[in-house]
Amino acid sequence: MPDLDNNTKTENESVVDEGQVDKQVAVEMRLAKEKKSETIAYILWLCCLPVATLGLQNFYVGRTKLGWLELCCTGIAVLFGIAFTYFFFGDNQVGTVLFGPLLAIFAVIVIACWIWDLFTLPTAITHHTSKLRDKIAKEFEMATSKLTKEQQQK
């Protein structure tokens, strides 16, 4: 007699499916607590404007290299700005010629990074969320496998 219902699942398959659903729900619940907010990233981005840019939004979304680049360039630009101001208002015009272009170069780098962040923050948050989801799923798998090994040993 032919099987009328080709979509029937065995008992083991339904248990595996339920386990996968439970895993996915657990991963998504933890991800909802730990993922980064686009709103907060843009607030950090906007708050950095008055002080050039500090790269805080990049540290927040996990782009630490770009964050350090922005922070260092801002610090260097500030130092060159102080030196430029000192020499511009002082008697030594050589310092003005030296520090003026350096200040401009680092200021352009800082502003370029800041504008770059305007368009790339959503992608950075999506990438961070994806990496976080994978990390949580691996942790869940490790905990589950450890628990099953302990149950098998009993």
N, C-alpha and C. Protein backbone atom coordinates (compact mmCIF):
# COMPACT_ATOMS: atom_id res chain seq x y z
N MET A 1 0.84 -1.17 0.00
CA MET A 1 0.00 0.00 0.00
C MET A 1 0.89 1.24 0.00
N PRO A 2 0.70 2.20 -0.94
CA PRO A 2 1.55 3.38 -1.02
C PRO A 2 1.29 4.33 0.14
N ASP A 3 2.34 5.06 0.48
CA ASP A 3 2.23 6.05 1.56
C ASP A 3 1.48 7.27 1.03
N LEU A 4 0.34 7.58 1.63
CA LEU A 4 -0.49 8.68 1.17
C LEU A 4 0.06 10.04 1.60
N ASP A 5 0.75 10.06 2.69
CA ASP A 5 1.27 11.33 3.21
C ASP A 5 2.79 11.32 3.14
N ASN A 6 3.36 11.89 2.09
CA ASN A 6 4.81 11.91 1.91
C ASN A 6 5.49 12.91 2.84
N ASN A 7 4.73 13.79 3.45
CA ASN A 7 5.29 14.82 4.31
C ASN A 7 5.36 14.43 5.77
N THR A 8 5.03 13.20 6.09
CA THR A 8 5.07 12.79 7.50
C THR A 8 6.51 12.70 7.96
N LYS A 9 6.72 13.04 9.21
CA LYS A 9 8.06 13.02 9.78
C LYS A 9 8.11 11.95 10.85
N THR A 10 9.29 11.41 11.00
CA THR A 10 9.46 10.45 12.07
C THR A 10 9.54 11.20 13.39
N GLU A 11 9.45 10.49 14.46
CA GLU A 11 9.50 11.11 15.78
C GLU A 11 10.84 11.79 16.03
N ASN A 12 11.94 11.17 15.57
CA ASN A 12 13.27 11.75 15.76
C ASN A 12 13.42 13.05 14.98
N GLU A 13 12.87 13.10 13.77
CA GLU A 13 12.98 14.31 12.98
C GLU A 13 12.23 15.47 13.63
N SER A 14 11.07 15.21 14.23
CA SER A 14 10.33 16.29 14.87
C SER A 14 11.05 16.79 16.12
N VAL A 15 11.72 15.90 16.83
CA VAL A 15 12.49 16.31 18.00
C VAL A 15 13.66 17.20 17.56
N VAL A 16 14.31 16.83 16.45
CA VAL A 16 15.42 17.63 15.95
C VAL A 16 14.91 19.01 15.53
N ASP A 17 13.76 19.05 14.84
CA ASP A 17 13.20 20.32 14.42
C ASP A 17 12.86 21.20 15.63
N GLU A 18 12.27 20.61 16.65
CA GLU A 18 11.94 21.38 17.85
C GLU A 18 13.21 21.90 18.52
N GLY A 19 14.26 21.08 18.52
CA GLY A 19 15.53 21.50 19.10
C GLY A 19 16.14 22.67 18.33
N GLN A 20 16.02 22.63 17.00
CA GLN A 20 16.53 23.72 16.18
C GLN A 20 15.75 25.00 16.43
N VAL A 21 14.43 24.87 16.57
CA VAL A 21 13.60 26.04 16.84
C VAL A 21 13.95 26.62 18.20
N ASP A 22 14.11 25.77 19.19
CA ASP A 22 14.48 26.24 20.53
C ASP A 22 15.83 26.95 20.50
N LYS A 23 16.78 26.39 19.76
CA LYS A 23 18.10 27.00 19.64
C LYS A 23 17.98 28.37 18.98
N GLN A 24 17.22 28.43 17.90
CA GLN A 24 17.08 29.69 17.17
C GLN A 24 16.40 30.75 18.04
N VAL A 25 15.38 30.34 18.78
CA VAL A 25 14.69 31.28 19.66
C VAL A 25 15.63 31.78 20.76
N ALA A 26 16.40 30.89 21.34
CA ALA A 26 17.35 31.28 22.39
C ALA A 26 18.41 32.24 21.84
N VAL A 27 18.91 31.94 20.66
CA VAL A 27 19.92 32.80 20.04
C VAL A 27 19.34 34.18 19.76
N GLU A 28 18.15 34.23 19.18
CA GLU A 28 17.53 35.51 18.84
C GLU A 28 17.16 36.32 20.09
N MET A 29 16.76 35.65 21.17
CA MET A 29 16.45 36.38 22.41
C MET A 29 17.70 37.03 22.98
N ARG A 30 18.80 36.28 22.99
CA ARG A 30 20.04 36.86 23.52
C ARG A 30 20.57 37.95 22.58
N LEU A 31 20.41 37.74 21.29
CA LEU A 31 20.85 38.73 20.31
C LEU A 31 20.09 40.03 20.47
N ALA A 32 18.81 39.94 20.76
CA ALA A 32 18.00 41.15 20.95
C ALA A 32 18.52 41.99 22.11
N LYS A 33 19.06 41.33 23.13
CA LYS A 33 19.61 42.05 24.28
C LYS A 33 20.96 42.68 23.98
N GLU A 34 21.77 42.02 23.15
CA GLU A 34 23.16 42.41 22.99
C GLU A 34 23.48 43.18 21.71
N LYS A 35 22.57 43.23 20.76
CA LYS A 35 22.92 43.89 19.49
C LYS A 35 22.96 45.40 19.65
N LYS A 36 23.66 46.04 18.74
CA LYS A 36 23.87 47.48 18.79
C LYS A 36 22.72 48.22 18.14
N SER A 37 22.43 49.39 18.64
CA SER A 37 21.34 50.21 18.14
C SER A 37 21.86 51.22 17.12
N GLU A 38 21.19 51.29 15.98
CA GLU A 38 21.56 52.25 14.95
C GLU A 38 21.35 53.68 15.46
N THR A 39 20.31 53.88 16.24
CA THR A 39 20.02 55.20 16.79
C THR A 39 21.15 55.68 17.69
N ILE A 40 21.61 54.82 18.57
CA ILE A 40 22.71 55.20 19.46
C ILE A 40 23.98 55.46 18.67
N ALA A 41 24.23 54.66 17.64
CA ALA A 41 25.43 54.88 16.81
C ALA A 41 25.38 56.25 16.15
N TYR A 42 24.22 56.64 15.65
CA TYR A 42 24.12 57.96 15.01
C TYR A 42 24.15 59.09 16.04
N ILE A 43 23.66 58.85 17.24
CA ILE A 43 23.76 59.88 18.29
C ILE A 43 25.24 60.09 18.63
N LEU A 44 26.00 59.01 18.76
CA LEU A 44 27.44 59.14 19.02
C LEU A 44 28.13 59.84 17.86
N TRP A 45 27.73 59.51 16.65
CA TRP A 45 28.31 60.15 15.46
C TRP A 45 28.05 61.65 15.47
N LEU A 46 26.82 62.02 15.79
CA LEU A 46 26.44 63.44 15.79
C LEU A 46 27.09 64.19 16.95
N CYS A 47 27.20 63.54 18.10
CA CYS A 47 27.79 64.20 19.27
C CYS A 47 29.28 64.46 19.07
N CYS A 48 29.91 63.70 18.20
CA CYS A 48 31.35 63.90 17.96
C CYS A 48 31.60 65.11 17.08
N LEU A 49 30.60 65.64 16.41
CA LEU A 49 30.80 66.76 15.50
C LEU A 49 31.41 68.00 16.16
N PRO A 50 30.94 68.42 17.33
CA PRO A 50 31.51 69.65 17.91
C PRO A 50 32.99 69.55 18.24
N VAL A 51 33.49 68.39 18.47
CA VAL A 51 34.91 68.22 18.80
C VAL A 51 35.63 67.47 17.68
N ALA A 52 35.35 67.88 16.45
CA ALA A 52 35.83 67.17 15.25
C ALA A 52 35.19 65.78 15.27
N THR A 53 35.96 64.76 15.40
CA THR A 53 35.39 63.43 15.57
C THR A 53 36.31 62.61 16.45
N LEU A 54 35.72 61.88 17.34
CA LEU A 54 36.50 61.05 18.24
C LEU A 54 36.41 59.57 17.88
N GLY A 55 35.54 59.23 16.95
CA GLY A 55 35.41 57.84 16.54
C GLY A 55 34.61 57.00 17.51
N LEU A 56 33.89 57.61 18.41
CA LEU A 56 33.13 56.85 19.41
C LEU A 56 32.13 55.89 18.76
N GLN A 57 31.51 56.34 17.66
CA GLN A 57 30.53 55.50 16.99
C GLN A 57 31.18 54.24 16.43
N ASN A 58 32.43 54.32 16.04
CA ASN A 58 33.11 53.14 15.51
C ASN A 58 33.48 52.16 16.62
N PHE A 59 33.89 52.68 17.75
CA PHE A 59 34.13 51.79 18.88
C PHE A 59 32.83 51.09 19.28
N TYR A 60 31.72 51.80 19.23
CA TYR A 60 30.42 51.25 19.61
C TYR A 60 30.01 50.09 18.71
N VAL A 61 30.21 50.23 17.39
CA VAL A 61 29.76 49.18 16.47
C VAL A 61 30.84 48.14 16.18
N GLY A 62 31.97 48.22 16.88
CA GLY A 62 32.98 47.18 16.76
C GLY A 62 34.06 47.44 15.72
N ARG A 63 34.08 48.62 15.12
CA ARG A 63 35.14 48.95 14.16
C ARG A 63 36.24 49.71 14.90
N THR A 64 36.99 48.98 15.71
CA THR A 64 37.97 49.63 16.59
C THR A 64 39.14 50.23 15.82
N LYS A 65 39.56 49.60 14.72
CA LYS A 65 40.68 50.16 13.96
C LYS A 65 40.33 51.53 13.40
N LEU A 66 39.15 51.65 12.83
CA LEU A 66 38.72 52.95 12.31
C LEU A 66 38.51 53.94 13.45
N GLY A 67 38.02 53.46 14.58
CA GLY A 67 37.85 54.33 15.74
C GLY A 67 39.18 54.89 16.21
N TRP A 68 40.20 54.02 16.29
CA TRP A 68 41.53 54.50 16.70
C TRP A 68 42.12 55.46 15.67
N LEU A 69 41.89 55.17 14.38
CA LEU A 69 42.38 56.08 13.33
C LEU A 69 41.77 57.46 13.50
N GLU A 70 40.47 57.52 13.70
CA GLU A 70 39.80 58.82 13.88
C GLU A 70 40.27 59.52 15.15
N LEU A 71 40.39 58.78 16.22
CA LEU A 71 40.82 59.36 17.48
C LEU A 71 42.25 59.92 17.38
N CYS A 72 43.14 59.15 16.78
CA CYS A 72 44.53 59.60 16.63
C CYS A 72 44.63 60.81 15.69
N CYS A 73 43.90 60.75 14.57
CA CYS A 73 43.94 61.87 13.63
C CYS A 73 43.37 63.13 14.27
N THR A 74 42.34 62.98 15.06
CA THR A 74 41.78 64.14 15.75
C THR A 74 42.79 64.72 16.73
N GLY A 75 43.45 63.84 17.49
CA GLY A 75 44.47 64.30 18.43
C GLY A 75 45.62 65.00 17.74
N ILE A 76 46.07 64.44 16.63
CA ILE A 76 47.17 65.05 15.89
C ILE A 76 46.73 66.39 15.30
N ALA A 77 45.51 66.44 14.76
CA ALA A 77 44.99 67.70 14.20
C ALA A 77 44.90 68.77 15.28
N VAL A 78 44.49 68.39 16.46
CA VAL A 78 44.41 69.36 17.57
C VAL A 78 45.80 69.87 17.92
N LEU A 79 46.77 68.97 18.00
CA LEU A 79 48.14 69.39 18.31
C LEU A 79 48.69 70.33 17.22
N PHE A 80 48.46 69.97 15.96
CA PHE A 80 48.92 70.84 14.88
C PHE A 80 48.16 72.17 14.90
N GLY A 81 46.89 72.14 15.28
CA GLY A 81 46.13 73.37 15.39
C GLY A 81 46.68 74.29 16.47
N ILE A 82 47.07 73.71 17.59
CA ILE A 82 47.66 74.50 18.67
C ILE A 82 49.00 75.09 18.22
N ALA A 83 49.82 74.24 17.58
CA ALA A 83 51.12 74.72 17.10
C ALA A 83 50.94 75.80 16.04
N PHE A 84 49.99 75.59 15.13
CA PHE A 84 49.72 76.56 14.07
C PHE A 84 49.29 77.90 14.66
N THR A 85 48.40 77.83 15.65
CA THR A 85 47.93 79.06 16.29
C THR A 85 49.08 79.78 17.00
N TYR A 86 49.93 79.02 17.67
CA TYR A 86 51.07 79.61 18.38
C TYR A 86 52.00 80.33 17.41
N PHE A 87 52.33 79.65 16.31
CA PHE A 87 53.25 80.26 15.35
C PHE A 87 52.59 81.35 14.51
N PHE A 88 51.29 81.21 14.24
CA PHE A 88 50.58 82.21 13.43
C PHE A 88 50.51 83.54 14.16
N PHE A 89 50.25 83.48 15.45
CA PHE A 89 50.13 84.72 16.23
C PHE A 89 51.46 85.15 16.85
N GLY A 90 52.48 84.31 16.70
CA GLY A 90 53.80 84.66 17.22
C GLY A 90 54.64 85.32 16.14
N ASP A 91 55.91 85.40 16.42
CA ASP A 91 56.83 86.06 15.48
C ASP A 91 57.38 85.09 14.43
N ASN A 92 57.26 83.79 14.65
CA ASN A 92 57.87 82.80 13.77
C ASN A 92 56.89 82.36 12.68
N GLN A 93 57.06 82.86 11.47
CA GLN A 93 56.17 82.51 10.37
C GLN A 93 56.53 81.17 9.74
N VAL A 94 57.74 80.64 10.02
CA VAL A 94 58.14 79.34 9.48
C VAL A 94 57.23 78.24 10.04
N GLY A 95 56.91 78.35 11.30
CA GLY A 95 56.02 77.37 11.91
C GLY A 95 54.64 77.39 11.28
N THR A 96 54.18 78.55 10.87
CA THR A 96 52.88 78.65 10.21
C THR A 96 52.90 77.90 8.89
N VAL A 97 53.97 78.04 8.14
CA VAL A 97 54.09 77.35 6.86
C VAL A 97 54.19 75.85 7.07
N LEU A 98 54.83 75.42 8.13
CA LEU A 98 55.00 73.99 8.41
C LEU A 98 53.71 73.37 8.95
N PHE A 99 53.12 73.97 9.95
CA PHE A 99 51.99 73.35 10.62
C PHE A 99 50.65 73.56 9.92
N GLY A 100 50.53 74.61 9.11
CA GLY A 100 49.28 74.87 8.39
C GLY A 100 48.87 73.72 7.48
N PRO A 101 49.74 73.26 6.57
CA PRO A 101 49.38 72.14 5.69
C PRO A 101 49.16 70.84 6.44
N LEU A 102 49.96 70.58 7.47
CA LEU A 102 49.76 69.36 8.27
C LEU A 102 48.41 69.38 8.97
N LEU A 103 48.05 70.53 9.50
CA LEU A 103 46.73 70.67 10.12
C LEU A 103 45.64 70.39 9.09
N ALA A 104 45.79 70.93 7.90
CA ALA A 104 44.78 70.73 6.85
C ALA A 104 44.67 69.27 6.46
N ILE A 105 45.80 68.59 6.34
CA ILE A 105 45.80 67.17 5.95
C ILE A 105 45.04 66.33 6.98
N PHE A 106 45.38 66.49 8.25
CA PHE A 106 44.73 65.68 9.28
C PHE A 106 43.27 66.09 9.46
N ALA A 107 42.96 67.35 9.28
CA ALA A 107 41.57 67.79 9.37
C ALA A 107 40.74 67.16 8.25
N VAL A 108 41.31 67.08 7.05
CA VAL A 108 40.60 66.46 5.93
C VAL A 108 40.38 64.97 6.19
N ILE A 109 41.39 64.29 6.74
CA ILE A 109 41.24 62.86 7.08
C ILE A 109 40.12 62.67 8.10
N VAL A 110 40.10 63.50 9.12
CA VAL A 110 39.08 63.40 10.17
C VAL A 110 37.69 63.63 9.58
N ILE A 111 37.55 64.66 8.78
CA ILE A 111 36.24 64.97 8.19
C ILE A 111 35.81 63.88 7.22
N ALA A 112 36.76 63.34 6.44
CA ALA A 112 36.43 62.26 5.50
C ALA A 112 35.95 61.02 6.25
N CYS A 113 36.62 60.68 7.34
CA CYS A 113 36.18 59.53 8.15
C CYS A 113 34.79 59.79 8.73
N TRP A 114 34.56 60.99 9.17
CA TRP A 114 33.27 61.33 9.78
C TRP A 114 32.15 61.21 8.75
N ILE A 115 32.39 61.70 7.52
CA ILE A 115 31.38 61.58 6.46
C ILE A 115 31.22 60.13 6.03
N TRP A 116 32.31 59.37 5.98
CA TRP A 116 32.26 57.95 5.65
C TRP A 116 31.34 57.21 6.63
N ASP A 117 31.46 57.54 7.90
CA ASP A 117 30.63 56.91 8.92
C ASP A 117 29.14 57.18 8.70
N LEU A 118 28.82 58.34 8.20
CA LEU A 118 27.42 58.69 7.95
C LEU A 118 26.76 57.64 7.08
N PHE A 119 27.47 57.15 6.07
CA PHE A 119 26.89 56.21 5.12
C PHE A 119 27.14 54.75 5.45
N THR A 120 28.11 54.46 6.28
CA THR A 120 28.48 53.06 6.52
C THR A 120 28.07 52.51 7.89
N LEU A 121 27.53 53.33 8.76
CA LEU A 121 27.12 52.83 10.08
C LEU A 121 26.07 51.72 10.01
N PRO A 122 25.02 51.83 9.18
CA PRO A 122 24.05 50.73 9.13
C PRO A 122 24.68 49.40 8.70
N THR A 123 25.58 49.45 7.74
CA THR A 123 26.26 48.23 7.30
C THR A 123 27.14 47.67 8.41
N ALA A 124 27.81 48.54 9.14
CA ALA A 124 28.67 48.10 10.24
C ALA A 124 27.83 47.44 11.34
N ILE A 125 26.67 47.98 11.61
CA ILE A 125 25.80 47.40 12.63
C ILE A 125 25.28 46.03 12.17
N THR A 126 24.91 45.92 10.90
CA THR A 126 24.45 44.64 10.35
C THR A 126 25.57 43.60 10.44
N HIS A 127 26.79 43.99 10.09
CA HIS A 127 27.93 43.09 10.16
C HIS A 127 28.20 42.66 11.61
N HIS A 128 28.14 43.63 12.52
CA HIS A 128 28.36 43.32 13.94
C HIS A 128 27.28 42.36 14.45
N THR A 129 26.04 42.58 14.06
CA THR A 129 24.94 41.71 14.48
C THR A 129 25.13 40.31 13.94
N SER A 130 25.56 40.18 12.71
CA SER A 130 25.80 38.87 12.11
C SER A 130 26.91 38.12 12.84
N LYS A 131 28.00 38.81 13.14
CA LYS A 131 29.09 38.19 13.89
C LYS A 131 28.63 37.79 15.29
N LEU A 132 27.83 38.63 15.91
CA LEU A 132 27.33 38.34 17.25
C LEU A 132 26.39 37.13 17.22
N ARG A 133 25.54 37.05 16.20
CA ARG A 133 24.64 35.90 16.06
C ARG A 133 25.43 34.61 15.93
N ASP A 134 26.48 34.62 15.11
CA ASP A 134 27.32 33.43 14.95
C ASP A 134 28.00 33.05 16.26
N LYS A 135 28.49 34.05 16.98
CA LYS A 135 29.16 33.79 18.26
C LYS A 135 28.20 33.18 19.27
N ILE A 136 27.00 33.74 19.35
CA ILE A 136 26.01 33.22 20.29
C ILE A 136 25.60 31.79 19.92
N ALA A 137 25.42 31.55 18.62
CA ALA A 137 25.04 30.21 18.16
C ALA A 137 26.12 29.19 18.51
N LYS A 138 27.39 29.57 18.34
CA LYS A 138 28.49 28.66 18.69
C LYS A 138 28.51 28.40 20.19
N GLU A 139 28.31 29.43 20.99
CA GLU A 139 28.27 29.25 22.44
C GLU A 139 27.13 28.33 22.84
N PHE A 140 25.98 28.50 22.18
CA PHE A 140 24.82 27.66 22.47
C PHE A 140 25.11 26.21 22.09
N GLU A 141 25.75 26.01 20.93
CA GLU A 141 26.11 24.65 20.50
C GLU A 141 27.08 24.01 21.48
N MET A 142 28.07 24.77 21.92
CA MET A 142 29.04 24.22 22.87
C MET A 142 28.38 23.85 24.19
N ALA A 143 27.49 24.72 24.67
CA ALA A 143 26.79 24.42 25.93
C ALA A 143 25.89 23.20 25.77
N THR A 144 25.22 23.10 24.64
CA THR A 144 24.33 21.96 24.40
C THR A 144 25.11 20.67 24.29
N SER A 145 26.22 20.70 23.56
CA SER A 145 27.02 19.48 23.42
C SER A 145 27.64 19.07 24.76
N LYS A 146 28.05 20.04 25.55
CA LYS A 146 28.61 19.74 26.87
C LYS A 146 27.53 19.11 27.77
N LEU A 147 26.32 19.64 27.69
CA LEU A 147 25.23 19.11 28.48
C LEU A 147 24.87 17.69 28.05
N THR A 148 24.84 17.42 26.76
CA THR A 148 24.53 16.07 26.29
C THR A 148 25.62 15.08 26.67
N LYS A 149 26.89 15.52 26.64
CA LYS A 149 27.98 14.64 27.06
C LYS A 149 27.86 14.30 28.53
N GLU A 150 27.50 15.27 29.36
CA GLU A 150 27.33 15.03 30.78
C GLU A 150 26.16 14.09 31.03
N GLN A 151 25.10 14.22 30.27
CA GLN A 151 23.95 13.33 30.42
C GLN A 151 24.28 11.92 29.99
N GLN A 152 25.10 11.79 28.95
CA GLN A 152 25.49 10.47 28.48
C GLN A 152 26.41 9.78 29.49
N GLN A 153 27.21 10.54 30.20
CA GLN A 153 28.14 9.97 31.17
C GLN A 153 27.40 9.46 32.41
N LYS A 154 26.24 10.01 32.68
CA LYS A 154 25.46 9.59 33.85
C LYS A 154 24.82 8.30 33.57
